[in-house]
Amino acid sequence: MSDTAKGAQRAPKAVIEHVVEPVESESHASSGESGPRASAPGAEAGTRPESFHEATSGFFRELGRRMWEHADEHPHATLYGIMGFVLAVLILVIGLWDTIVIAVFVGIGVVIGQVRDGDNAAVSFIRRLFDK
């Protein structure tokens, strides 16, 4: 049995009204009719306001430029930040032990590559660790 059958009154439901404003087409905007866009503060006569695509692409272009400036000024912080992010994603996605196994194999690959290149820095470092 519902509450209304027992004589309890129900509260009215909240209604959200949605008013749709008509969009002005390009032909009306260029014909000189005044509209909400034409009377916007800061709008110059004869200029079309930025489209959403132009505004977002400009935002990301500026963001990218600033990120590259920061990377040029702080190369090591950027490199290690990216490495930390990749490591965190690997640990979260595939797990800690699988990530450690991948890191060990990458390290072995680096040592083999350095030996083949004639650079024994990694081998010398390992020898110094175990000679103590």
C-alpha atoms as a PDB file:
ATOM      1  CA  MET A   1       0.000   0.000   0.000  1.00  0.00           C
ATOM      2  CA  SER A   2       1.270   3.480  -0.789  1.00  0.00           C
ATOM      3  CA  ASP A   3       1.426   6.480   1.526  1.00  0.00           C
ATOM      4  CA  THR A   4      -1.197   8.342  -0.496  1.00  0.00           C
ATOM      5  CA  ALA A   5      -3.759   5.646   0.198  1.00  0.00           C
ATOM      6  CA  LYS A   6      -3.350   6.301   3.938  1.00  0.00           C
ATOM      7  CA  GLY A   7      -4.232   9.944   3.498  1.00  0.00           C
ATOM      8  CA  ALA A   8      -0.675  11.416   3.462  1.00  0.00           C
ATOM      9  CA  GLN A   9      -0.156  14.267   1.026  1.00  0.00           C
ATOM     10  CA  ARG A  10       2.660  14.122  -1.478  1.00  0.00           C
ATOM     11  CA  ALA A  11       5.014  17.052  -1.955  1.00  0.00           C
ATOM     12  CA  PRO A  12       5.085  18.607  -5.431  1.00  0.00           C
ATOM     13  CA  LYS A  13       7.989  17.591  -7.651  1.00  0.00           C
ATOM     14  CA  ALA A  14      10.602  20.193  -8.479  1.00  0.00           C
ATOM     15  CA  VAL A  15      10.604  21.199 -12.136  1.00  0.00           C
ATOM     16  CA  ILE A  16      13.620  22.686 -13.879  1.00  0.00           C
ATOM     17  CA  GLU A  17      12.611  24.859 -16.785  1.00  0.00           C
ATOM     18  CA  HIS A  18      14.921  24.843 -19.778  1.00  0.00           C
ATOM     19  CA  VAL A  19      14.670  27.833 -22.074  1.00  0.00           C
ATOM     20  CA  VAL A  20      16.228  27.413 -25.485  1.00  0.00           C
ATOM     21  CA  GLU A  21      17.357  30.632 -27.124  1.00  0.00           C
ATOM     22  CA  PRO A  22      17.261  30.708 -30.922  1.00  0.00           C
ATOM     23  CA  VAL A  23      20.687  30.572 -32.559  1.00  0.00           C
ATOM     24  CA  GLU A  24      21.428  33.348 -34.987  1.00  0.00           C
ATOM     25  CA  SER A  25      22.500  32.052 -38.388  1.00  0.00           C
ATOM     26  CA  GLU A  26      25.465  33.447 -40.343  1.00  0.00           C
ATOM     27  CA  SER A  27      23.203  35.122 -42.912  1.00  0.00           C
ATOM     28  CA  HIS A  28      21.363  37.089 -40.221  1.00  0.00           C
ATOM     29  CA  ALA A  29      24.580  38.058 -38.447  1.00  0.00           C
ATOM     30  CA  SER A  30      26.183  39.355 -41.628  1.00  0.00           C
ATOM     31  CA  SER A  31      23.087  41.253 -42.776  1.00  0.00           C
ATOM     32  CA  GLY A  32      23.519  43.813 -40.034  1.00  0.00           C
ATOM     33  CA  GLU A  33      20.691  42.702 -37.753  1.00  0.00           C
ATOM     34  CA  SER A  34      21.419  43.311 -34.137  1.00  0.00           C
ATOM     35  CA  GLY A  35      21.442  40.313 -31.865  1.00  0.00           C
ATOM     36  CA  PRO A  36      22.865  39.236 -28.555  1.00  0.00           C
ATOM     37  CA  ARG A  37      26.297  38.666 -30.099  1.00  0.00           C
ATOM     38  CA  ALA A  38      26.431  42.057 -31.818  1.00  0.00           C
ATOM     39  CA  SER A  39      25.734  43.940 -28.612  1.00  0.00           C
ATOM     40  CA  ALA A  40      28.229  41.997 -26.509  1.00  0.00           C
ATOM     41  CA  PRO A  41      30.644  44.211 -24.603  1.00  0.00           C
ATOM     42  CA  GLY A  42      34.089  44.290 -26.145  1.00  0.00           C
ATOM     43  CA  ALA A  43      32.881  43.060 -29.519  1.00  0.00           C
ATOM     44  CA  GLU A  44      34.243  45.137 -32.348  1.00  0.00           C
ATOM     45  CA  ALA A  45      32.095  46.009 -35.316  1.00  0.00           C
ATOM     46  CA  GLY A  46      32.741  43.788 -38.314  1.00  0.00           C
ATOM     47  CA  THR A  47      34.581  41.054 -36.403  1.00  0.00           C
ATOM     48  CA  ARG A  48      33.155  37.625 -35.891  1.00  0.00           C
ATOM     49  CA  PRO A  49      33.459  36.137 -32.399  1.00  0.00           C
ATOM     50  CA  GLU A  50      35.774  33.172 -31.992  1.00  0.00           C
ATOM     51  CA  SER A  51      34.250  29.806 -32.640  1.00  0.00           C
ATOM     52  CA  PHE A  52      34.551  27.070 -30.051  1.00  0.00           C
ATOM     53  CA  HIS A  53      37.118  25.249 -32.196  1.00  0.00           C
ATOM     54  CA  GLU A  54      39.304  28.347 -32.554  1.00  0.00           C
ATOM     55  CA  ALA A  55      39.118  29.078 -28.836  1.00  0.00           C
ATOM     56  CA  THR A  56      39.994  25.539 -27.733  1.00  0.00           C
ATOM     57  CA  SER A  57      42.748  25.066 -30.286  1.00  0.00           C
ATOM     58  CA  GLY A  58      44.245  28.393 -29.184  1.00  0.00           C
ATOM     59  CA  PHE A  59      44.099  27.276 -25.552  1.00  0.00           C
ATOM     60  CA  PHE A  60      45.872  23.993 -26.268  1.00  0.00           C
ATOM     61  CA  ARG A  61      48.404  25.687 -28.544  1.00  0.00           C
ATOM     62  CA  GLU A  62      49.321  28.127 -25.753  1.00  0.00           C
ATOM     63  CA  LEU A  63      49.377  25.325 -23.166  1.00  0.00           C
ATOM     64  CA  GLY A  64      51.709  23.272 -25.363  1.00  0.00           C
ATOM     65  CA  ARG A  65      54.019  26.246 -25.896  1.00  0.00           C
ATOM     66  CA  ARG A  66      54.257  26.864 -22.152  1.00  0.00           C
ATOM     67  CA  MET A  67      54.873  23.172 -21.456  1.00  0.00           C
ATOM     68  CA  TRP A  68      57.750  23.071 -23.957  1.00  0.00           C
ATOM     69  CA  GLU A  69      59.226  26.238 -22.411  1.00  0.00           C
ATOM     70  CA  HIS A  70      59.116  24.590 -18.986  1.00  0.00           C
ATOM     71  CA  ALA A  71      60.640  21.379 -20.386  1.00  0.00           C
ATOM     72  CA  ASP A  72      63.481  23.383 -21.968  1.00  0.00           C
ATOM     73  CA  GLU A  73      64.170  25.190 -18.698  1.00  0.00           C
ATOM     74  CA  HIS A  74      63.897  22.048 -16.517  1.00  0.00           C
ATOM     75  CA  PRO A  75      64.831  19.015 -18.679  1.00  0.00           C
ATOM     76  CA  HIS A  76      65.652  16.626 -15.843  1.00  0.00           C
ATOM     77  CA  ALA A  77      62.537  17.444 -13.822  1.00  0.00           C
ATOM     78  CA  THR A  78      60.419  16.877 -16.928  1.00  0.00           C
ATOM     79  CA  LEU A  79      62.155  13.605 -17.830  1.00  0.00           C
ATOM     80  CA  TYR A  80      61.917  12.139 -14.341  1.00  0.00           C
ATOM     81  CA  GLY A  81      58.343  13.355 -13.973  1.00  0.00           C
ATOM     82  CA  ILE A  82      57.379  11.504 -17.147  1.00  0.00           C
ATOM     83  CA  MET A  83      59.289   8.414 -15.990  1.00  0.00           C
ATOM     84  CA  GLY A  84      57.483   8.505 -12.643  1.00  0.00           C
ATOM     85  CA  PHE A  85      54.127   8.822 -14.369  1.00  0.00           C
ATOM     86  CA  VAL A  86      54.845   5.857 -16.660  1.00  0.00           C
ATOM     87  CA  LEU A  87      56.059   3.786 -13.704  1.00  0.00           C
ATOM     88  CA  ALA A  88      52.939   4.629 -11.689  1.00  0.00           C
ATOM     89  CA  VAL A  89      50.663   3.683 -14.596  1.00  0.00           C
ATOM     90  CA  LEU A  90      52.528   0.404 -15.076  1.00  0.00           C
ATOM     91  CA  ILE A  91      52.244  -0.471 -11.389  1.00  0.00           C
ATOM     92  CA  LEU A  92      48.533   0.366 -11.324  1.00  0.00           C
ATOM     93  CA  VAL A  93      47.720  -1.433 -14.568  1.00  0.00           C
ATOM     94  CA  ILE A  94      49.886  -4.575 -14.504  1.00  0.00           C
ATOM     95  CA  GLY A  95      50.953  -4.776 -10.866  1.00  0.00           C
ATOM     96  CA  LEU A  96      54.123  -4.259  -8.849  1.00  0.00           C
ATOM     97  CA  TRP A  97      55.940  -7.522  -9.546  1.00  0.00           C
ATOM     98  CA  ASP A  98      55.289  -7.483 -13.278  1.00  0.00           C
ATOM     99  CA  THR A  99      56.619  -3.916 -13.370  1.00  0.00           C
ATOM    100  CA  ILE A 100      59.753  -4.973 -11.459  1.00  0.00           C
ATOM    101  CA  VAL A 101      60.350  -7.836 -13.936  1.00  0.00           C
ATOM    102  CA  ILE A 102      60.019  -5.402 -16.863  1.00  0.00           C
ATOM    103  CA  ALA A 103      62.451  -2.969 -15.175  1.00  0.00           C
ATOM    104  CA  VAL A 104      65.006  -5.765 -14.632  1.00  0.00           C
ATOM    105  CA  PHE A 105      64.823  -6.830 -18.274  1.00  0.00           C
ATOM    106  CA  VAL A 106      65.138  -3.212 -19.423  1.00  0.00           C
ATOM    107  CA  GLY A 107      68.212  -2.829 -17.202  1.00  0.00           C
ATOM    108  CA  ILE A 108      69.769  -6.007 -18.639  1.00  0.00           C
ATOM    109  CA  GLY A 109      69.041  -4.710 -22.144  1.00  0.00           C
ATOM    110  CA  VAL A 110      70.754  -1.395 -21.348  1.00  0.00           C
ATOM    111  CA  VAL A 111      73.847  -3.199 -19.997  1.00  0.00           C
ATOM    112  CA  ILE A 112      74.052  -5.451 -23.073  1.00  0.00           C
ATOM    113  CA  GLY A 113      73.594  -2.435 -25.358  1.00  0.00           C
ATOM    114  CA  GLN A 114      76.350  -0.498 -23.585  1.00  0.00           C
ATOM    115  CA  VAL A 115      78.740  -3.448 -23.818  1.00  0.00           C
ATOM    116  CA  ARG A 116      78.018  -3.805 -27.549  1.00  0.00           C
ATOM    117  CA  ASP A 117      78.614  -0.058 -27.990  1.00  0.00           C
ATOM    118  CA  GLY A 118      81.977  -0.322 -26.232  1.00  0.00           C
ATOM    119  CA  ASP A 119      80.824   1.676 -23.208  1.00  0.00           C
ATOM    120  CA  ASN A 120      81.329  -0.332 -20.020  1.00  0.00           C
ATOM    121  CA  ALA A 121      79.989   2.273 -17.592  1.00  0.00           C
ATOM    122  CA  ALA A 122      77.149   0.042 -16.368  1.00  0.00           C
ATOM    123  CA  VAL A 123      79.448  -2.977 -15.969  1.00  0.00           C
ATOM    124  CA  SER A 124      81.999  -0.859 -14.083  1.00  0.00           C
ATOM    125  CA  PHE A 125      79.233   0.465 -11.813  1.00  0.00           C
ATOM    126  CA  ILE A 126      78.057  -3.076 -11.011  1.00  0.00           C
ATOM    127  CA  ARG A 127      81.649  -4.180 -10.299  1.00  0.00           C
ATOM    128  CA  ARG A 128      82.130  -1.230  -7.918  1.00  0.00           C
ATOM    129  CA  LEU A 129      78.956  -2.222  -6.079  1.00  0.00           C
ATOM    130  CA  PHE A 130      80.128  -5.806  -5.489  1.00  0.00           C
ATOM    131  CA  ASP A 131      83.847  -5.057  -4.849  1.00  0.00           C
ATOM    132  CA  LYS A 132      83.175  -3.235  -1.607  1.00  0.00           C
END
